PDB file of N, CA and C in Angstrom:
ATOM      1  N   MET A   1     223.596 101.749 106.438  1.00  0.00           N
ATOM      2  CA  MET A   1     224.170 100.513 106.089  1.00  0.00           C
ATOM      3  C   MET A   1     223.177  99.665 105.254  1.00  0.00           C
ATOM      4  N   SER A   2     221.956  99.674 105.602  1.00  0.00           N
ATOM      5  CA  SER A   2     220.985  98.820 104.842  1.00  0.00           C
ATOM      6  C   SER A   2     220.858  99.340 103.412  1.00  0.00           C
ATOM      7  N   TYR A   3     221.097 100.653 103.199  1.00  0.00           N
ATOM      8  CA  TYR A   3     221.032 101.208 101.875  1.00  0.00           C
ATOM      9  C   TYR A   3     222.101 100.629 100.961  1.00  0.00           C
ATOM     10  N   ARG A   4     223.311 100.491 101.483  1.00  0.00           N
ATOM     11  CA  ARG A   4     224.394  99.887 100.706  1.00  0.00           C
ATOM     12  C   ARG A   4     224.132  98.407 100.460  1.00  0.00           C
ATOM     13  N   ARG A   5     223.575  97.731 101.433  1.00  0.00           N
ATOM     14  CA  ARG A   5     223.307  96.293 101.240  1.00  0.00           C
ATOM     15  C   ARG A   5     222.258  96.077 100.141  1.00  0.00           C
ATOM     16  N   SER A   6     221.205  96.837 100.091  1.00  0.00           N
ATOM     17  CA  SER A   6     220.190  96.672  99.066  1.00  0.00           C
ATOM     18  C   SER A   6     220.774  97.041  97.666  1.00  0.00           C
ATOM     19  N   GLN A   7     221.671  98.025  97.639  1.00  0.00           N
ATOM     20  CA  GLN A   7     222.290  98.385  96.392  1.00  0.00           C
ATOM     21  C   GLN A   7     223.210  97.255  95.929  1.00  0.00           C
ATOM     22  N   LYS A   8     223.900  96.607  96.819  1.00  0.00           N
ATOM     23  CA  LYS A   8     224.777  95.539  96.457  1.00  0.00           C
ATOM     24  C   LYS A   8     223.967  94.314  95.993  1.00  0.00           C
ATOM     25  N   VAL A   9     222.839  94.031  96.627  1.00  0.00           N
ATOM     26  CA  VAL A   9     221.995  92.923  96.211  1.00  0.00           C
ATOM     27  C   VAL A   9     221.390  93.258  94.825  1.00  0.00           C
ATOM     28  N   GLY A  10     221.045  94.454  94.597  1.00  0.00           N
ATOM     29  CA  GLY A  10     220.492  94.860  93.284  1.00  0.00           C
ATOM     30  C   GLY A  10     221.520  94.693  92.191  1.00  0.00           C
ATOM     31  N   LEU A  11     222.751  95.011  92.419  1.00  0.00           N
ATOM     32  CA  LEU A  11     223.803  94.865  91.431  1.00  0.00           C
ATOM     33  C   LEU A  11     224.099  93.401  91.122  1.00  0.00           C
ATOM     34  N   SER A  12     224.143  92.582  92.164  1.00  0.00           N
ATOM     35  CA  SER A  12     224.367  91.142  91.918  1.00  0.00           C
ATOM     36  C   SER A  12     223.201  90.502  91.216  1.00  0.00           C
ATOM     37  N   THR A  13     222.014  90.933  91.522  1.00  0.00           N
ATOM     38  CA  THR A  13     220.815  90.405  90.867  1.00  0.00           C
ATOM     39  C   THR A  13     220.809  90.826  89.396  1.00  0.00           C
ATOM     40  N   ALA A  14     221.169  92.047  89.159  1.00  0.00           N
ATOM     41  CA  ALA A  14     221.205  92.518  87.726  1.00  0.00           C
ATOM     42  C   ALA A  14     222.297  91.776  86.962  1.00  0.00           C
ATOM     43  N   LEU A  15     223.421  91.534  87.600  1.00  0.00           N
ATOM     44  CA  LEU A  15     224.498  90.798  86.955  1.00  0.00           C
ATOM     45  C   LEU A  15     224.060  89.366  86.680  1.00  0.00           C
ATOM     46  N   PHE A  16     223.376  88.718  87.629  1.00  0.00           N
ATOM     47  CA  PHE A  16     222.880  87.386  87.468  1.00  0.00           C
ATOM     48  C   PHE A  16     221.921  87.315  86.247  1.00  0.00           C
ATOM     49  N   PHE A  17     220.978  88.223  86.209  1.00  0.00           N
ATOM     50  CA  PHE A  17     220.018  88.224  85.096  1.00  0.00           C
ATOM     51  C   PHE A  17     220.695  88.558  83.744  1.00  0.00           C
ATOM     52  N   ALA A  18     221.699  89.389  83.756  1.00  0.00           N
ATOM     53  CA  ALA A  18     222.426  89.708  82.514  1.00  0.00           C
ATOM     54  C   ALA A  18     223.148  88.454  81.987  1.00  0.00           C
ATOM     55  N   ILE A  19     223.798  87.739  82.914  1.00  0.00           N
ATOM     56  CA  ILE A  19     224.485  86.477  82.504  1.00  0.00           C
ATOM     57  C   ILE A  19     223.474  85.455  82.063  1.00  0.00           C
ATOM     58  N   PHE A  20     222.379  85.354  82.800  1.00  0.00           N
ATOM     59  CA  PHE A  20     221.305  84.415  82.442  1.00  0.00           C
ATOM     60  C   PHE A  20     220.734  84.729  81.069  1.00  0.00           C
ATOM     61  N   LEU A  21     220.494  85.973  80.779  1.00  0.00           N
ATOM     62  CA  LEU A  21     219.962  86.405  79.484  1.00  0.00           C
ATOM     63  C   LEU A  21     220.989  86.106  78.362  1.00  0.00           C
ATOM     64  N   ALA A  22     222.228  86.345  78.621  1.00  0.00           N
ATOM     65  CA  ALA A  22     223.289  86.089  77.607  1.00  0.00           C
ATOM     66  C   ALA A  22     223.376  84.604  77.305  1.00  0.00           C
ATOM     67  N   LEU A  23     223.389  83.790  78.336  1.00  0.00           N
ATOM     68  CA  LEU A  23     223.447  82.323  78.097  1.00  0.00           C
ATOM     69  C   LEU A  23     222.186  81.803  77.409  1.00  0.00           C
ATOM     70  N   THR A  24     221.066  82.281  77.833  1.00  0.00           N
ATOM     71  CA  THR A  24     219.824  81.862  77.205  1.00  0.00           C
ATOM     72  C   THR A  24     219.805  82.292  75.716  1.00  0.00           C
ATOM     73  N   SER A  25     220.239  83.488  75.437  1.00  0.00           N
ATOM     74  CA  SER A  25     220.297  83.932  74.055  1.00  0.00           C
ATOM     75  C   SER A  25     221.224  83.078  73.235  1.00  0.00           C
ATOM     76  N   TYR A  26     222.396  82.734  73.804  1.00  0.00           N
ATOM     77  CA  TYR A  26     223.335  81.894  73.075  1.00  0.00           C
ATOM     78  C   TYR A  26     222.740  80.547  72.735  1.00  0.00           C
ATOM     79  N   PHE A  27     222.117  79.887  73.740  1.00  0.00           N
ATOM     80  CA  PHE A  27     221.544  78.579  73.510  1.00  0.00           C
ATOM     81  C   PHE A  27     220.354  78.576  72.551  1.00  0.00           C
ATOM     82  N   VAL A  28     219.562  79.620  72.595  1.00  0.00           N
ATOM     83  CA  VAL A  28     218.466  79.737  71.652  1.00  0.00           C
ATOM     84  C   VAL A  28     218.982  79.923  70.220  1.00  0.00           C
ATOM     85  N   PHE A  29     219.987  80.757  70.078  1.00  0.00           N
ATOM     86  CA  PHE A  29     220.616  80.954  68.753  1.00  0.00           C
ATOM     87  C   PHE A  29     221.226  79.663  68.247  1.00  0.00           C
ATOM     88  N   ALA A  30     221.907  78.936  69.129  1.00  0.00           N
ATOM     89  CA  ALA A  30     222.515  77.661  68.704  1.00  0.00           C
ATOM     90  C   ALA A  30     221.451  76.630  68.350  1.00  0.00           C
ATOM     91  N   ALA A  31     220.330  76.631  69.079  1.00  0.00           N
ATOM     92  CA  ALA A  31     219.248  75.681  68.775  1.00  0.00           C
ATOM     93  C   ALA A  31     218.578  75.971  67.451  1.00  0.00           C
ATOM     94  N   ILE A  32     218.592  77.223  67.021  1.00  0.00           N
ATOM     95  CA  ILE A  32     217.925  77.574  65.768  1.00  0.00           C
ATOM     96  C   ILE A  32     218.913  77.531  64.608  1.00  0.00           C
ATOM     97  N   GLN A  33     220.084  78.105  64.724  1.00  0.00           N
ATOM     98  CA  GLN A  33     221.002  78.230  63.597  1.00  0.00           C
ATOM     99  C   GLN A  33     222.317  77.494  63.757  1.00  0.00           C
ATOM    100  N   GLY A  34     222.501  76.683  64.757  1.00  0.00           N
ATOM    101  CA  GLY A  34     223.747  75.983  64.963  1.00  0.00           C
ATOM    102  C   GLY A  34     223.909  74.832  64.013  1.00  0.00           C
ATOM    103  N   ASP A  35     225.016  74.093  64.175  1.00  0.00           N
ATOM    104  CA  ASP A  35     225.307  72.948  63.318  1.00  0.00           C
ATOM    105  C   ASP A  35     224.235  71.874  63.419  1.00  0.00           C
ATOM    106  N   TYR A  36     223.621  71.746  64.560  1.00  0.00           N
ATOM    107  CA  TYR A  36     222.566  70.746  64.783  1.00  0.00           C
ATOM    108  C   TYR A  36     221.235  71.446  65.058  1.00  0.00           C
ATOM    109  N   GLY A  37     221.043  72.651  64.602  1.00  0.00           N
ATOM    110  CA  GLY A  37     219.875  73.431  64.881  1.00  0.00           C
ATOM    111  C   GLY A  37     218.714  73.110  63.950  1.00  0.00           C
ATOM    112  N   HIS A  38     217.646  73.859  64.186  1.00  0.00           N
ATOM    113  CA  HIS A  38     216.388  73.663  63.485  1.00  0.00           C
ATOM    114  C   HIS A  38     216.518  73.945  61.978  1.00  0.00           C
ATOM    115  N   ILE A  39     217.189  74.968  61.610  1.00  0.00           N
ATOM    116  CA  ILE A  39     217.363  75.328  60.180  1.00  0.00           C
ATOM    117  C   ILE A  39     218.189  74.262  59.492  1.00  0.00           C
ATOM    118  N   LYS A  40     219.234  73.756  60.104  1.00  0.00           N
ATOM    119  CA  LYS A  40     220.061  72.710  59.525  1.00  0.00           C
ATOM    120  C   LYS A  40     219.244  71.435  59.319  1.00  0.00           C
ATOM    121  N   ARG A  41     218.340  71.122  60.269  1.00  0.00           N
ATOM    122  CA  ARG A  41     217.515  69.928  60.194  1.00  0.00           C
ATOM    123  C   ARG A  41     216.575  70.031  58.995  1.00  0.00           C
ATOM    124  N   ILE A  42     216.001  71.217  58.786  1.00  0.00           N
ATOM    125  CA  ILE A  42     215.087  71.430  57.652  1.00  0.00           C
ATOM    126  C   ILE A  42     215.867  71.270  56.335  1.00  0.00           C
ATOM    127  N   GLN A  43     217.077  71.784  56.277  1.00  0.00           N
ATOM    128  CA  GLN A  43     217.935  71.625  55.074  1.00  0.00           C
ATOM    129  C   GLN A  43     218.252  70.182  54.795  1.00  0.00           C
ATOM    130  N   VAL A  44     218.587  69.430  55.846  1.00  0.00           N
ATOM    131  CA  VAL A  44     218.895  68.003  55.686  1.00  0.00           C
ATOM    132  C   VAL A  44     217.677  67.237  55.222  1.00  0.00           C
ATOM    133  N   GLU A  45     216.499  67.548  55.785  1.00  0.00           N
ATOM    134  CA  GLU A  45     215.294  66.825  55.360  1.00  0.00           C
ATOM    135  C   GLU A  45     214.958  67.162  53.879  1.00  0.00           C
ATOM    136  N   SER A  46     215.174  68.388  53.478  1.00  0.00           N
ATOM    137  CA  SER A  46     214.938  68.775  52.088  1.00  0.00           C
ATOM    138  C   SER A  46     215.901  68.033  51.162  1.00  0.00           C
ATOM    139  N   GLU A  47     217.153  67.958  51.543  1.00  0.00           N
ATOM    140  CA  GLU A  47     218.157  67.241  50.765  1.00  0.00           C
ATOM    141  C   GLU A  47     217.800  65.749  50.697  1.00  0.00           C
ATOM    142  N   GLU A  48     217.274  65.209  51.795  1.00  0.00           N
ATOM    143  CA  GLU A  48     216.886  63.779  51.808  1.00  0.00           C
ATOM    144  C   GLU A  48     215.724  63.554  50.813  1.00  0.00           C
ATOM    145  N   LYS A  49     214.769  64.417  50.781  1.00  0.00           N
ATOM    146  CA  LYS A  49     213.651  64.270  49.834  1.00  0.00           C
ATOM    147  C   LYS A  49     214.127  64.381  48.400  1.00  0.00           C
ATOM    148  N   ARG A  50     215.041  65.330  48.109  1.00  0.00           N
ATOM    149  CA  ARG A  50     215.562  65.476  46.771  1.00  0.00           C
ATOM    150  C   ARG A  50     216.340  64.251  46.338  1.00  0.00           C
ATOM    151  N   LEU A  51     217.160  63.719  47.251  1.00  0.00           N
ATOM    152  CA  LEU A  51     217.938  62.547  46.932  1.00  0.00           C
ATOM    153  C   LEU A  51     217.090  61.300  46.770  1.00  0.00           C
ATOM    154  N   SER A  52     216.018  61.232  47.553  1.00  0.00           N
ATOM    155  CA  SER A  52     215.083  60.093  47.405  1.00  0.00           C
ATOM    156  C   SER A  52     214.421  60.095  46.031  1.00  0.00           C
ATOM    157  N   LEU A  53     214.030  61.248  45.583  1.00  0.00           N
ATOM    158  CA  LEU A  53     213.439  61.351  44.248  1.00  0.00           C
ATOM    159  C   LEU A  53     214.457  61.021  43.166  1.00  0.00           C
ATOM    160  N   ARG A  54     215.682  61.451  43.351  1.00  0.00           N
ATOM    161  CA  ARG A  54     216.747  61.119  42.408  1.00  0.00           C
ATOM    162  C   ARG A  54     217.011  59.596  42.353  1.00  0.00           C
ATOM    163  N   LEU A  55     216.992  58.994  43.560  1.00  0.00           N
ATOM    164  CA  LEU A  55     217.196  57.560  43.639  1.00  0.00           C
ATOM    165  C   LEU A  55     216.079  56.788  42.916  1.00  0.00           C
ATOM    166  N   LYS A  56     214.843  57.225  43.073  1.00  0.00           N
ATOM    167  CA  LYS A  56     213.719  56.575  42.357  1.00  0.00           C
ATOM    168  C   LYS A  56     213.902  56.713  40.861  1.00  0.00           C
ATOM    169  N   ALA A  57     214.324  57.879  40.385  1.00  0.00           N
ATOM    170  CA  ALA A  57     214.524  58.080  38.965  1.00  0.00           C
ATOM    171  C   ALA A  57     215.649  57.186  38.439  1.00  0.00           C
ATOM    172  N   LEU A  58     216.721  57.086  39.241  1.00  0.00           N
ATOM    173  CA  LEU A  58     217.875  56.255  38.817  1.00  0.00           C
ATOM    174  C   LEU A  58     217.481  54.764  38.794  1.00  0.00           C
ATOM    175  N   LYS A  59     216.691  54.362  39.775  1.00  0.00           N
ATOM    176  CA  LYS A  59     216.229  52.956  39.817  1.00  0.00           C
ATOM    177  C   LYS A  59     215.374  52.643  38.582  1.00  0.00           C
ATOM    178  N   LEU A  60     214.516  53.587  38.199  1.00  0.00           N
ATOM    179  CA  LEU A  60     213.678  53.397  37.009  1.00  0.00           C
ATOM    180  C   LEU A  60     214.518  53.352  35.747  1.00  0.00           C
ATOM    181  N   GLU A  61     215.529  54.219  35.674  1.00  0.00           N
ATOM    182  CA  GLU A  61     216.411  54.216  34.491  1.00  0.00           C
ATOM    183  C   GLU A  61     217.218  52.903  34.415  1.00  0.00           C
ATOM    184  N   ARG A  62     217.664  52.437  35.572  1.00  0.00           N
ATOM    185  CA  ARG A  62     218.392  51.199  35.636  1.00  0.00           C
ATOM    186  C   ARG A  62     217.530  50.021  35.192  1.00  0.00           C
ATOM    187  N   LYS A  63     216.276  50.035  35.640  1.00  0.00           N
ATOM    188  CA  LYS A  63     215.333  48.981  35.248  1.00  0.00           C
ATOM    189  C   LYS A  63     215.116  48.978  33.726  1.00  0.00           C
ATOM    190  N   GLN A  64     214.972  50.160  33.144  1.00  0.00           N
ATOM    191  CA  GLN A  64     214.803  50.257  31.708  1.00  0.00           C
ATOM    192  C   GLN A  64     216.017  49.809  30.953  1.00  0.00           C
ATOM    193  N   LEU A  65     217.207  50.172  31.416  1.00  0.00           N
ATOM    194  CA  LEU A  65     218.451  49.753  30.751  1.00  0.00           C
ATOM    195  C   LEU A  65     218.641  48.221  30.910  1.00  0.00           C
ATOM    196  N   LYS A  66     218.282  47.719  32.055  1.00  0.00           N
ATOM    197  CA  LYS A  66     218.393  46.273  32.255  1.00  0.00           C
ATOM    198  C   LYS A  66     217.459  45.490  31.296  1.00  0.00           C
ATOM    199  N   ASN A  67     216.271  46.062  31.073  1.00  0.00           N
ATOM    200  CA  ASN A  67     215.320  45.480  30.150  1.00  0.00           C
ATOM    201  C   ASN A  67     215.873  45.487  28.727  1.00  0.00           C
ATOM    202  N   LYS A  68     216.434  46.618  28.307  1.00  0.00           N
ATOM    203  CA  LYS A  68     217.014  46.753  26.950  1.00  0.00           C
ATOM    204  C   LYS A  68     218.218  45.794  26.828  1.00  0.00           C
ATOM    205  N   THR A  69     219.038  45.690  27.844  1.00  0.00           N
ATOM    206  CA  THR A  69     220.161  44.784  27.774  1.00  0.00           C
ATOM    207  C   THR A  69     219.705  43.352  27.608  1.00  0.00           C
ATOM    208  N   TYR A  70     218.678  43.021  28.379  1.00  0.00           N
ATOM    209  CA  TYR A  70     218.142  41.651  28.279  1.00  0.00           C
ATOM    210  C   TYR A  70     217.578  41.381  26.899  1.00  0.00           C
ATOM    211  N   ARG A  71     216.890  42.358  26.322  1.00  0.00           N
ATOM    212  CA  ARG A  71     216.279  42.200  25.003  1.00  0.00           C
ATOM    213  C   ARG A  71     217.317  42.138  23.880  1.00  0.00           C
ATOM    214  N   LEU A  72     218.521  42.627  24.108  1.00  0.00           N
ATOM    215  CA  LEU A  72     219.597  42.521  23.134  1.00  0.00           C
ATOM    216  C   LEU A  72     220.554  41.377  23.412  1.00  0.00           C
ATOM    217  N   SER A  73     220.313  40.610  24.466  1.00  0.00           N
ATOM    218  CA  SER A  73     221.215  39.512  24.823  1.00  0.00           C
ATOM    219  C   SER A  73     221.034  38.301  23.909  1.00  0.00           C
ATOM    220  N   ASP A  74     221.954  37.342  24.039  1.00  0.00           N
ATOM    221  CA  ASP A  74     221.921  36.135  23.232  1.00  0.00           C
ATOM    222  C   ASP A  74     220.680  35.286  23.548  1.00  0.00           C
ATOM    223  N   GLY A  75     220.294  35.275  24.803  1.00  0.00           N
ATOM    224  CA  GLY A  75     219.165  34.437  25.216  1.00  0.00           C
ATOM    225  C   GLY A  75     217.835  34.906  24.686  1.00  0.00           C
ATOM    226  N   TYR A  76     217.701  36.230  24.434  1.00  0.00           N
ATOM    227  CA  TYR A  76     216.427  36.778  23.961  1.00  0.00           C
ATOM    228  C   TYR A  76     216.803  37.953  23.054  1.00  0.00           C
ATOM    229  N   LEU A  77     216.607  37.841  21.799  1.00  0.00           N
ATOM    230  CA  LEU A  77     216.989  38.907  20.872  1.00  0.00           C
ATOM    231  C   LEU A  77     215.730  39.531  20.274  1.00  0.00           C
ATOM    232  N   ASP A  78     215.506  40.794  20.561  1.00  0.00           N
ATOM    233  CA  ASP A  78     214.399  41.548  20.017  1.00  0.00           C
ATOM    234  C   ASP A  78     214.884  42.211  18.703  1.00  0.00           C
ATOM    235  N   LEU A  79     214.434  41.709  17.598  1.00  0.00           N
ATOM    236  CA  LEU A  79     214.930  42.211  16.313  1.00  0.00           C
ATOM    237  C   LEU A  79     214.529  43.670  16.048  1.00  0.00           C
ATOM    238  N   ASP A  80     213.343  44.084  16.495  1.00  0.00           N
ATOM    239  CA  ASP A  80     212.950  45.451  16.322  1.00  0.00           C
ATOM    240  C   ASP A  80     213.837  46.410  17.076  1.00  0.00           C
ATOM    241  N   LEU A  81     214.187  46.038  18.344  1.00  0.00           N
ATOM    242  CA  LEU A  81     215.078  46.885  19.109  1.00  0.00           C
ATOM    243  C   LEU A  81     216.482  46.885  18.496  1.00  0.00           C
ATOM    244  N   LEU A  82     216.941  45.773  18.021  1.00  0.00           N
ATOM    245  CA  LEU A  82     218.242  45.686  17.349  1.00  0.00           C
ATOM    246  C   LEU A  82     218.266  46.551  16.111  1.00  0.00           C
ATOM    247  N   ASP A  83     217.216  46.523  15.323  1.00  0.00           N
ATOM    248  CA  ASP A  83     217.147  47.352  14.134  1.00  0.00           C
ATOM    249  C   ASP A  83     217.152  48.833  14.505  1.00  0.00           C
ATOM    250  N   GLU A  84     216.396  49.198  15.530  1.00  0.00           N
ATOM    251  CA  GLU A  84     216.349  50.598  15.976  1.00  0.00           C
ATOM    252  C   GLU A  84     217.723  51.073  16.414  1.00  0.00           C
ATOM    253  N   ARG A  85     218.437  50.268  17.227  1.00  0.00           N
ATOM    254  CA  ARG A  85     219.752  50.642  17.714  1.00  0.00           C
ATOM    255  C   ARG A  85     220.771  50.768  16.591  1.00  0.00           C
ATOM    256  N   VAL A  86     220.739  49.842  15.626  1.00  0.00           N
ATOM    257  CA  VAL A  86     221.644  49.898  14.487  1.00  0.00           C
ATOM    258  C   VAL A  86     221.435  51.167  13.717  1.00  0.00           C
ATOM    259  N   ARG A  87     220.196  51.521  13.467  1.00  0.00           N
ATOM    260  CA  ARG A  87     219.868  52.741  12.711  1.00  0.00           C
ATOM    261  C   ARG A  87     220.377  53.978  13.460  1.00  0.00           C
ATOM    262  N   LYS A  88     220.146  53.970  14.753  1.00  0.00           N
ATOM    263  CA  LYS A  88     220.536  55.168  15.552  1.00  0.00           C
ATOM    264  C   LYS A  88     222.066  55.290  15.683  1.00  0.00           C
ATOM    265  N   VAL A  89     222.722  54.205  15.957  1.00  0.00           N
ATOM    266  CA  VAL A  89     224.179  54.261  16.192  1.00  0.00           C
ATOM    267  C   VAL A  89     224.931  54.435  14.867  1.00  0.00           C
ATOM    268  N   LEU A  90     224.577  53.697  13.879  1.00  0.00           N
ATOM    269  CA  LEU A  90     225.318  53.727  12.615  1.00  0.00           C
ATOM    270  C   LEU A  90     224.772  54.749  11.637  1.00  0.00           C
ATOM    271  N   GLY A  91     223.576  55.286  11.912  1.00  0.00           N
ATOM    272  CA  GLY A  91     223.007  56.272  11.018  1.00  0.00           C
ATOM    273  C   GLY A  91     222.569  55.687   9.691  1.00  0.00           C
ATOM    274  N   MET A  92     222.153  54.437   9.689  1.00  0.00           N
ATOM    275  CA  MET A  92     221.807  53.757   8.446  1.00  0.00           C
ATOM    276  C   MET A  92     220.284  53.846   8.225  1.00  0.00           C
ATOM    277  N   ALA A  93     219.879  53.714   6.962  1.00  0.00           N
ATOM    278  CA  ALA A  93     218.463  53.714   6.617  1.00  0.00           C
ATOM    279  C   ALA A  93     218.245  52.681   5.517  1.00  0.00           C
ATOM    280  N   ARG A  94     217.048  52.223   5.419  1.00  0.00           N
ATOM    281  CA  ARG A  94     216.717  51.268   4.350  1.00  0.00           C
ATOM    282  C   ARG A  94     216.475  52.022   3.056  1.00  0.00           C
ATOM    283  N   VAL A  95     216.404  51.285   1.995  1.00  0.00           N
ATOM    284  CA  VAL A  95     216.198  51.877   0.660  1.00  0.00           C
ATOM    285  C   VAL A  95     214.850  52.587   0.561  1.00  0.00           C
ATOM    286  N   ASN A  96     213.812  52.006   1.140  1.00  0.00           N
ATOM    287  CA  ASN A  96     212.460  52.585   1.017  1.00  0.00           C
ATOM    288  C   ASN A  96     212.100  53.562   2.146  1.00  0.00           C
ATOM    289  N   ASP A  97     213.058  53.897   3.024  1.00  0.00           N
ATOM    290  CA  ASP A  97     212.794  54.858   4.108  1.00  0.00           C
ATOM    291  C   ASP A  97     212.831  56.275   3.601  1.00  0.00           C
ATOM    292  N   VAL A  98     211.933  57.103   4.134  1.00  0.00           N
ATOM    293  CA  VAL A  98     211.898  58.511   3.818  1.00  0.00           C
ATOM    294  C   VAL A  98     212.611  59.270   4.969  1.00  0.00           C
ATOM    295  N   ILE A  99     213.622  60.031   4.622  1.00  0.00           N
ATOM    296  CA  ILE A  99     214.390  60.739   5.673  1.00  0.00           C
ATOM    297  C   ILE A  99     213.986  62.236   5.595  1.00  0.00           C
ATOM    298  N   ILE A 100     213.547  62.767   6.720  1.00  0.00           N
ATOM    299  CA  ILE A 100     213.083  64.147   6.818  1.00  0.00           C
ATOM    300  C   ILE A 100     214.095  64.875   7.676  1.00  0.00           C
ATOM    301  N   ARG A 101     214.606  66.006   7.175  1.00  0.00           N
ATOM    302  CA  ARG A 101     215.590  66.762   7.940  1.00  0.00           C
ATOM    303  C   ARG A 101     215.066  68.146   8.244  1.00  0.00           C
TER     304      ARG A 101
END
């Protein structure tokens, strides 16, 4: 009788450890590759850095455009900038300008 009892205890112990191993494996996998896992966190941080750099570039571009807009406004007119824009937009040149193509 004791032989059967030890065999029964061994089977239940093996089943317990098999379930424990399966659950542990599932949670480790989810912690690494799940929706909120380690790899997803690294991807989100990388995307955040990329977007931060893009935001800085857009802020600089906005600042430059705001400066040009101010320089072409009625309150402050930069004649050199106005001349440059007219030449670029309309494709005009002065009589004494040399055009190289």
